[in-house]
PDB file of N, CA and C in Angstrom:
ATOM      1  N   MET A   1     115.395 147.369  61.651  1.00  0.00           N
ATOM      2  CA  MET A   1     116.271 146.422  61.508  1.00  0.00           C
ATOM      3  C   MET A   1     117.629 146.529  61.467  1.00  0.00           C
ATOM      4  N   TYR A   2     118.623 146.140  62.797  1.00  0.00           N
ATOM      5  CA  TYR A   2     120.234 146.755  62.763  1.00  0.00           C
ATOM      6  C   TYR A   2     121.324 145.659  62.437  1.00  0.00           C
ATOM      7  N   CYS A   3     121.794 146.102  61.820  1.00  0.00           N
ATOM      8  CA  CYS A   3     122.776 145.128  61.484  1.00  0.00           C
ATOM      9  C   CYS A   3     123.299 143.621  62.447  1.00  0.00           C
ATOM     10  N   PHE A   4     123.734 142.503  62.104  1.00  0.00           N
ATOM     11  CA  PHE A   4     123.829 141.778  62.791  1.00  0.00           C
ATOM     12  C   PHE A   4     125.499 141.985  63.362  1.00  0.00           C
ATOM     13  N   PHE A   5     126.533 142.206  61.881  1.00  0.00           N
ATOM     14  CA  PHE A   5     127.778 142.367  63.148  1.00  0.00           C
ATOM     15  C   PHE A   5     127.945 143.747  64.107  1.00  0.00           C
ATOM     16  N   CYS A   6     127.142 144.996  63.866  1.00  0.00           N
ATOM     17  CA  CYS A   6     127.398 145.730  64.529  1.00  0.00           C
ATOM     18  C   CYS A   6     126.331 145.740  65.963  1.00  0.00           C
ATOM     19  N   LYS A   7     125.293 144.331  66.155  1.00  0.00           N
ATOM     20  CA  LYS A   7     124.644 144.563  67.324  1.00  0.00           C
ATOM     21  C   LYS A   7     125.499 143.424  67.839  1.00  0.00           C
ATOM     22  N   LYS A   8     126.253 142.261  67.061  1.00  0.00           N
ATOM     23  CA  LYS A   8     127.424 141.466  68.317  1.00  0.00           C
ATOM     24  C   LYS A   8     128.676 142.160  68.282  1.00  0.00           C
ATOM     25  N   ASN A   9     128.880 143.626  67.675  1.00  0.00           N
ATOM     26  CA  ASN A   9     130.171 143.910  67.915  1.00  0.00           C
ATOM     27  C   ASN A   9     131.534 143.150  66.726  1.00  0.00           C
ATOM     28  N   ILE A  10     131.329 143.150  66.214  1.00  0.00           N
ATOM     29  CA  ILE A  10     132.122 142.247  65.414  1.00  0.00           C
ATOM     30  C   ILE A  10     132.778 143.161  64.460  1.00  0.00           C
ATOM     31  N   GLN A  11     133.995 143.310  64.521  1.00  0.00           N
ATOM     32  CA  GLN A  11     134.558 144.374  63.809  1.00  0.00           C
ATOM     33  C   GLN A  11     135.765 143.893  62.737  1.00  0.00           C
ATOM     34  N   GLU A  12     135.826 142.723  62.555  1.00  0.00           N
ATOM     35  CA  GLU A  12     136.776 142.295  61.285  1.00  0.00           C
ATOM     36  C   GLU A  12     136.101 140.667  60.933  1.00  0.00           C
ATOM     37  N   ILE A  13     135.232 140.826  59.408  1.00  0.00           N
ATOM     38  CA  ILE A  13     134.492 139.832  59.049  1.00  0.00           C
ATOM     39  C   ILE A  13     135.735 138.769  58.221  1.00  0.00           C
ATOM     40  N   ASN A  14     135.724 137.547  58.546  1.00  0.00           N
ATOM     41  CA  ASN A  14     137.126 136.657  58.259  1.00  0.00           C
ATOM     42  C   ASN A  14     136.321 135.961  57.201  1.00  0.00           C
ATOM     43  N   PHE A  15     137.543 135.645  55.899  1.00  0.00           N
ATOM     44  CA  PHE A  15     137.075 135.123  54.656  1.00  0.00           C
ATOM     45  C   PHE A  15     136.906 133.351  54.823  1.00  0.00           C
ATOM     46  N   ARG A  16     137.754 133.487  56.176  1.00  0.00           N
ATOM     47  CA  ARG A  16     137.602 131.822  56.330  1.00  0.00           C
ATOM     48  C   ARG A  16     136.305 131.547  57.274  1.00  0.00           C
ATOM     49  N   ASN A  17     135.626 131.943  57.553  1.00  0.00           N
ATOM     50  CA  ASN A  17     134.403 131.134  58.576  1.00  0.00           C
ATOM     51  C   ASN A  17     133.273 131.604  57.566  1.00  0.00           C
ATOM     52  N   THR A  18     133.387 130.158  56.867  1.00  0.00           N
ATOM     53  CA  THR A  18     132.431 130.124  55.611  1.00  0.00           C
ATOM     54  C   THR A  18     131.361 129.862  55.682  1.00  0.00           C
ATOM     55  N   GLU A  19     130.812 129.344  56.849  1.00  0.00           N
ATOM     56  CA  GLU A  19     129.546 129.214  57.379  1.00  0.00           C
ATOM     57  C   GLU A  19     128.376 130.546  58.041  1.00  0.00           C
ATOM     58  N   MET A  20     129.397 131.064  57.819  1.00  0.00           N
ATOM     59  CA  MET A  20     128.692 133.067  58.254  1.00  0.00           C
ATOM     60  C   MET A  20     128.795 133.469  56.864  1.00  0.00           C
ATOM     61  N   LEU A  21     129.915 133.002  55.907  1.00  0.00           N
ATOM     62  CA  LEU A  21     129.583 133.738  54.713  1.00  0.00           C
ATOM     63  C   LEU A  21     128.766 132.969  54.311  1.00  0.00           C
ATOM     64  N   GLU A  22     128.487 131.604  53.924  1.00  0.00           N
ATOM     65  CA  GLU A  22     128.034 131.457  53.457  1.00  0.00           C
ATOM     66  C   GLU A  22     125.683 131.370  53.531  1.00  0.00           C
ATOM     67  N   ARG A  23     125.077 132.480  54.326  1.00  0.00           N
ATOM     68  CA  ARG A  23     124.257 132.766  54.966  1.00  0.00           C
ATOM     69  C   ARG A  23     123.810 133.723  54.450  1.00  0.00           C
ATOM     70  N   LEU A  24     125.209 134.876  53.419  1.00  0.00           N
ATOM     71  CA  LEU A  24     125.024 135.727  52.997  1.00  0.00           C
ATOM     72  C   LEU A  24     124.778 135.380  51.700  1.00  0.00           C
ATOM     73  N   VAL A  25     125.316 134.406  50.693  1.00  0.00           N
ATOM     74  CA  VAL A  25     124.963 134.211  49.814  1.00  0.00           C
ATOM     75  C   VAL A  25     123.450 133.379  49.652  1.00  0.00           C
ATOM     76  N   SER A  26     122.927 133.392  48.261  1.00  0.00           N
ATOM     77  CA  SER A  26     121.860 133.229  47.420  1.00  0.00           C
ATOM     78  C   SER A  26     122.090 131.427  47.321  1.00  0.00           C
ATOM     79  N   LYS A  27     120.775 130.836  47.085  1.00  0.00           N
ATOM     80  CA  LYS A  27     121.103 129.252  46.302  1.00  0.00           C
ATOM     81  C   LYS A  27     121.954 129.587  45.600  1.00  0.00           C
ATOM     82  N   SER A  28     121.913 130.489  44.384  1.00  0.00           N
ATOM     83  CA  SER A  28     121.986 130.258  42.991  1.00  0.00           C
ATOM     84  C   SER A  28     123.729 131.116  42.744  1.00  0.00           C
ATOM     85  N   GLY A  29     124.254 131.256  44.427  1.00  0.00           N
ATOM     86  CA  GLY A  29     125.838 131.544  44.077  1.00  0.00           C
ATOM     87  C   GLY A  29     126.096 133.439  44.484  1.00  0.00           C
ATOM     88  N   LYS A  30     124.561 134.330  44.254  1.00  0.00           N
ATOM     89  CA  LYS A  30     124.908 135.569  44.261  1.00  0.00           C
ATOM     90  C   LYS A  30     125.140 135.942  45.244  1.00  0.00           C
ATOM     91  N   ILE A  31     126.093 136.953  45.593  1.00  0.00           N
ATOM     92  CA  ILE A  31     125.700 137.684  46.778  1.00  0.00           C
ATOM     93  C   ILE A  31     124.485 138.877  47.354  1.00  0.00           C
ATOM     94  N   LYS A  32     123.812 138.501  48.845  1.00  0.00           N
ATOM     95  CA  LYS A  32     122.843 139.033  49.066  1.00  0.00           C
ATOM     96  C   LYS A  32     122.427 140.046  49.172  1.00  0.00           C
ATOM     97  N   ALA A  33     121.539 140.967  48.654  1.00  0.00           N
ATOM     98  CA  ALA A  33     121.368 142.210  48.622  1.00  0.00           C
ATOM     99  C   ALA A  33     121.864 143.023  50.037  1.00  0.00           C
ATOM    100  N   LYS A  34     122.012 143.920  50.042  1.00  0.00           N
ATOM    101  CA  LYS A  34     121.985 144.798  51.620  1.00  0.00           C
ATOM    102  C   LYS A  34     120.490 144.499  52.316  1.00  0.00           C
ATOM    103  N   LYS A  35     119.556 144.871  51.538  1.00  0.00           N
ATOM    104  CA  LYS A  35     118.396 145.154  51.972  1.00  0.00           C
ATOM    105  C   LYS A  35     117.868 143.918  52.675  1.00  0.00           C
ATOM    106  N   LYS A  36     118.466 143.102  51.378  1.00  0.00           N
ATOM    107  CA  LYS A  36     117.877 140.974  52.002  1.00  0.00           C
ATOM    108  C   LYS A  36     118.682 140.711  52.980  1.00  0.00           C
ATOM    109  N   THR A  37     120.202 141.177  53.699  1.00  0.00           N
ATOM    110  CA  THR A  37     121.046 140.887  54.596  1.00  0.00           C
ATOM    111  C   THR A  37     120.629 141.421  55.789  1.00  0.00           C
ATOM    112  N   GLY A  38     120.405 142.886  55.417  1.00  0.00           N
ATOM    113  CA  GLY A  38     120.341 143.443  56.599  1.00  0.00           C
ATOM    114  C   GLY A  38     121.471 144.023  57.588  1.00  0.00           C
ATOM    115  N   LEU A  39     122.708 144.040  56.334  1.00  0.00           N
ATOM    116  CA  LEU A  39     123.720 144.371  57.196  1.00  0.00           C
ATOM    117  C   LEU A  39     123.329 146.330  56.867  1.00  0.00           C
ATOM    118  N   CYS A  40     124.506 147.006  57.445  1.00  0.00           N
ATOM    119  CA  CYS A  40     125.015 148.310  57.458  1.00  0.00           C
ATOM    120  C   CYS A  40     126.117 147.943  56.268  1.00  0.00           C
ATOM    121  N   ALA A  41     125.857 149.123  55.413  1.00  0.00           N
ATOM    122  CA  ALA A  41     126.833 149.931  54.390  1.00  0.00           C
ATOM    123  C   ALA A  41     128.546 149.147  54.244  1.00  0.00           C
ATOM    124  N   THR A  42     128.658 149.570  55.293  1.00  0.00           N
ATOM    125  CA  THR A  42     129.966 149.432  56.130  1.00  0.00           C
ATOM    126  C   THR A  42     130.008 147.676  55.869  1.00  0.00           C
ATOM    127  N   HIS A  43     129.298 147.310  56.793  1.00  0.00           N
ATOM    128  CA  HIS A  43     129.803 145.738  56.483  1.00  0.00           C
ATOM    129  C   HIS A  43     129.589 145.088  55.826  1.00  0.00           C
ATOM    130  N   GLN A  44     128.104 145.524  54.869  1.00  0.00           N
ATOM    131  CA  GLN A  44     128.188 144.490  53.537  1.00  0.00           C
ATOM    132  C   GLN A  44     129.165 144.793  52.909  1.00  0.00           C
ATOM    133  N   ARG A  45     130.132 145.723  52.305  1.00  0.00           N
ATOM    134  CA  ARG A  45     131.393 145.866  51.815  1.00  0.00           C
ATOM    135  C   ARG A  45     132.313 144.707  52.283  1.00  0.00           C
ATOM    136  N   GLU A  46     132.800 145.019  53.732  1.00  0.00           N
ATOM    137  CA  GLU A  46     133.332 143.810  54.664  1.00  0.00           C
ATOM    138  C   GLU A  46     132.867 142.550  54.008  1.00  0.00           C
ATOM    139  N   ALA A  47     131.492 142.372  53.968  1.00  0.00           N
ATOM    140  CA  ALA A  47     131.330 141.083  53.530  1.00  0.00           C
ATOM    141  C   ALA A  47     131.808 140.568  52.157  1.00  0.00           C
ATOM    142  N   THR A  48     130.941 141.412  51.214  1.00  0.00           N
ATOM    143  CA  THR A  48     131.613 141.574  50.391  1.00  0.00           C
ATOM    144  C   THR A  48     133.049 140.831  49.463  1.00  0.00           C
ATOM    145  N   ARG A  49     133.913 141.551  49.788  1.00  0.00           N
ATOM    146  CA  ARG A  49     135.173 141.570  50.010  1.00  0.00           C
ATOM    147  C   ARG A  49     135.462 140.074  50.640  1.00  0.00           C
ATOM    148  N   ALA A  50     135.193 139.962  51.939  1.00  0.00           N
ATOM    149  CA  ALA A  50     135.745 138.284  52.277  1.00  0.00           C
ATOM    150  C   ALA A  50     134.842 137.383  51.768  1.00  0.00           C
ATOM    151  N   ILE A  51     133.799 137.423  50.585  1.00  0.00           N
ATOM    152  CA  ILE A  51     133.309 136.136  50.364  1.00  0.00           C
ATOM    153  C   ILE A  51     133.674 136.197  48.668  1.00  0.00           C
ATOM    154  N   LYS A  52     134.694 137.331  47.947  1.00  0.00           N
ATOM    155  CA  LYS A  52     135.143 137.588  47.164  1.00  0.00           C
ATOM    156  C   LYS A  52     136.992 136.717  47.344  1.00  0.00           C
ATOM    157  N   ARG A  53     137.367 137.018  48.212  1.00  0.00           N
ATOM    158  CA  ARG A  53     138.047 136.128  48.724  1.00  0.00           C
ATOM    159  C   ARG A  53     138.166 135.106  48.842  1.00  0.00           C
ATOM    160  N   ALA A  54     137.119 134.273  49.432  1.00  0.00           N
ATOM    161  CA  ALA A  54     137.169 132.640  49.772  1.00  0.00           C
ATOM    162  C   ALA A  54     136.828 132.403  48.872  1.00  0.00           C
ATOM    163  N   ARG A  55     135.859 132.717  47.590  1.00  0.00           N
ATOM    164  CA  ARG A  55     136.093 132.079  46.172  1.00  0.00           C
ATOM    165  C   ARG A  55     137.168 131.511  45.851  1.00  0.00           C
ATOM    166  N   ILE A  56     138.007 133.512  45.804  1.00  0.00           N
ATOM    167  CA  ILE A  56     139.398 132.968  45.269  1.00  0.00           C
ATOM    168  C   ILE A  56     140.320 131.682  46.099  1.00  0.00           C
ATOM    169  N   MET A  57     140.193 131.915  47.225  1.00  0.00           N
ATOM    170  CA  MET A  57     141.165 130.562  47.748  1.00  0.00           C
ATOM    171  C   MET A  57     140.510 129.439  48.126  1.00  0.00           C
ATOM    172  N   GLY A  58     139.044 128.840  47.562  1.00  0.00           N
ATOM    173  CA  GLY A  58     138.548 127.616  47.095  1.00  0.00           C
ATOM    174  C   GLY A  58     137.635 127.631  48.517  1.00  0.00           C
ATOM    175  N   LEU A  59     136.874 128.108  48.985  1.00  0.00           N
ATOM    176  CA  LEU A  59     136.782 128.067  50.206  1.00  0.00           C
ATOM    177  C   LEU A  59     135.424 128.240  50.082  1.00  0.00           C
ATOM    178  N   LEU A  60     134.330 129.029  49.092  1.00  0.00           N
ATOM    179  CA  LEU A  60     133.158 129.333  48.761  1.00  0.00           C
ATOM    180  C   LEU A  60     132.985 128.614  47.475  1.00  0.00           C
ATOM    181  N   HIS A  61     131.627 128.383  46.927  1.00  0.00           N
ATOM    182  CA  HIS A  61     131.727 127.932  45.671  1.00  0.00           C
ATOM    183  C   HIS A  61     131.677 129.080  44.783  1.00  0.00           C
ATOM    184  N   PHE A  62     131.598 129.664  43.187  1.00  0.00           N
ATOM    185  CA  PHE A  62     131.132 131.024  42.753  1.00  0.00           C
ATOM    186  C   PHE A  62     129.863 130.912  42.462  1.00  0.00           C
ATOM    187  N   VAL A  63     129.116 129.722  41.899  1.00  0.00           N
ATOM    188  CA  VAL A  63     127.879 129.182  41.433  1.00  0.00           C
ATOM    189  C   VAL A  63     127.922 127.679  42.312  1.00  0.00           C
ATOM    190  N   ALA A  64     126.054 127.485  41.775  1.00  0.00           N
ATOM    191  CA  ALA A  64     125.846 126.657  42.926  1.00  0.00           C
ATOM    192  C   ALA A  64     126.317 125.402  42.148  1.00  0.00           C
ATOM    193  N   LYS A  65     125.745 124.453  43.056  1.00  0.00           N
ATOM    194  CA  LYS A  65     126.370 122.910  42.937  1.00  0.00           C
ATOM    195  C   LYS A  65     125.445 122.830  42.129  1.00  0.00           C
TER     196      LYS A  65
END
């Protein structure tokens, strides 16, 4: 299984792109593990940082509704 971001040649994960980030968050609001998302370690760290920034900015929820 290949990393989605490596395959699409996406260099930067933007925290404003909430549609993409919501796919990396579970129904309960937790960040999915690397095994579940299929991301490489570098992109998993970038995605985690982007999700946390989006939560602080109020774009994503901290917990499920």
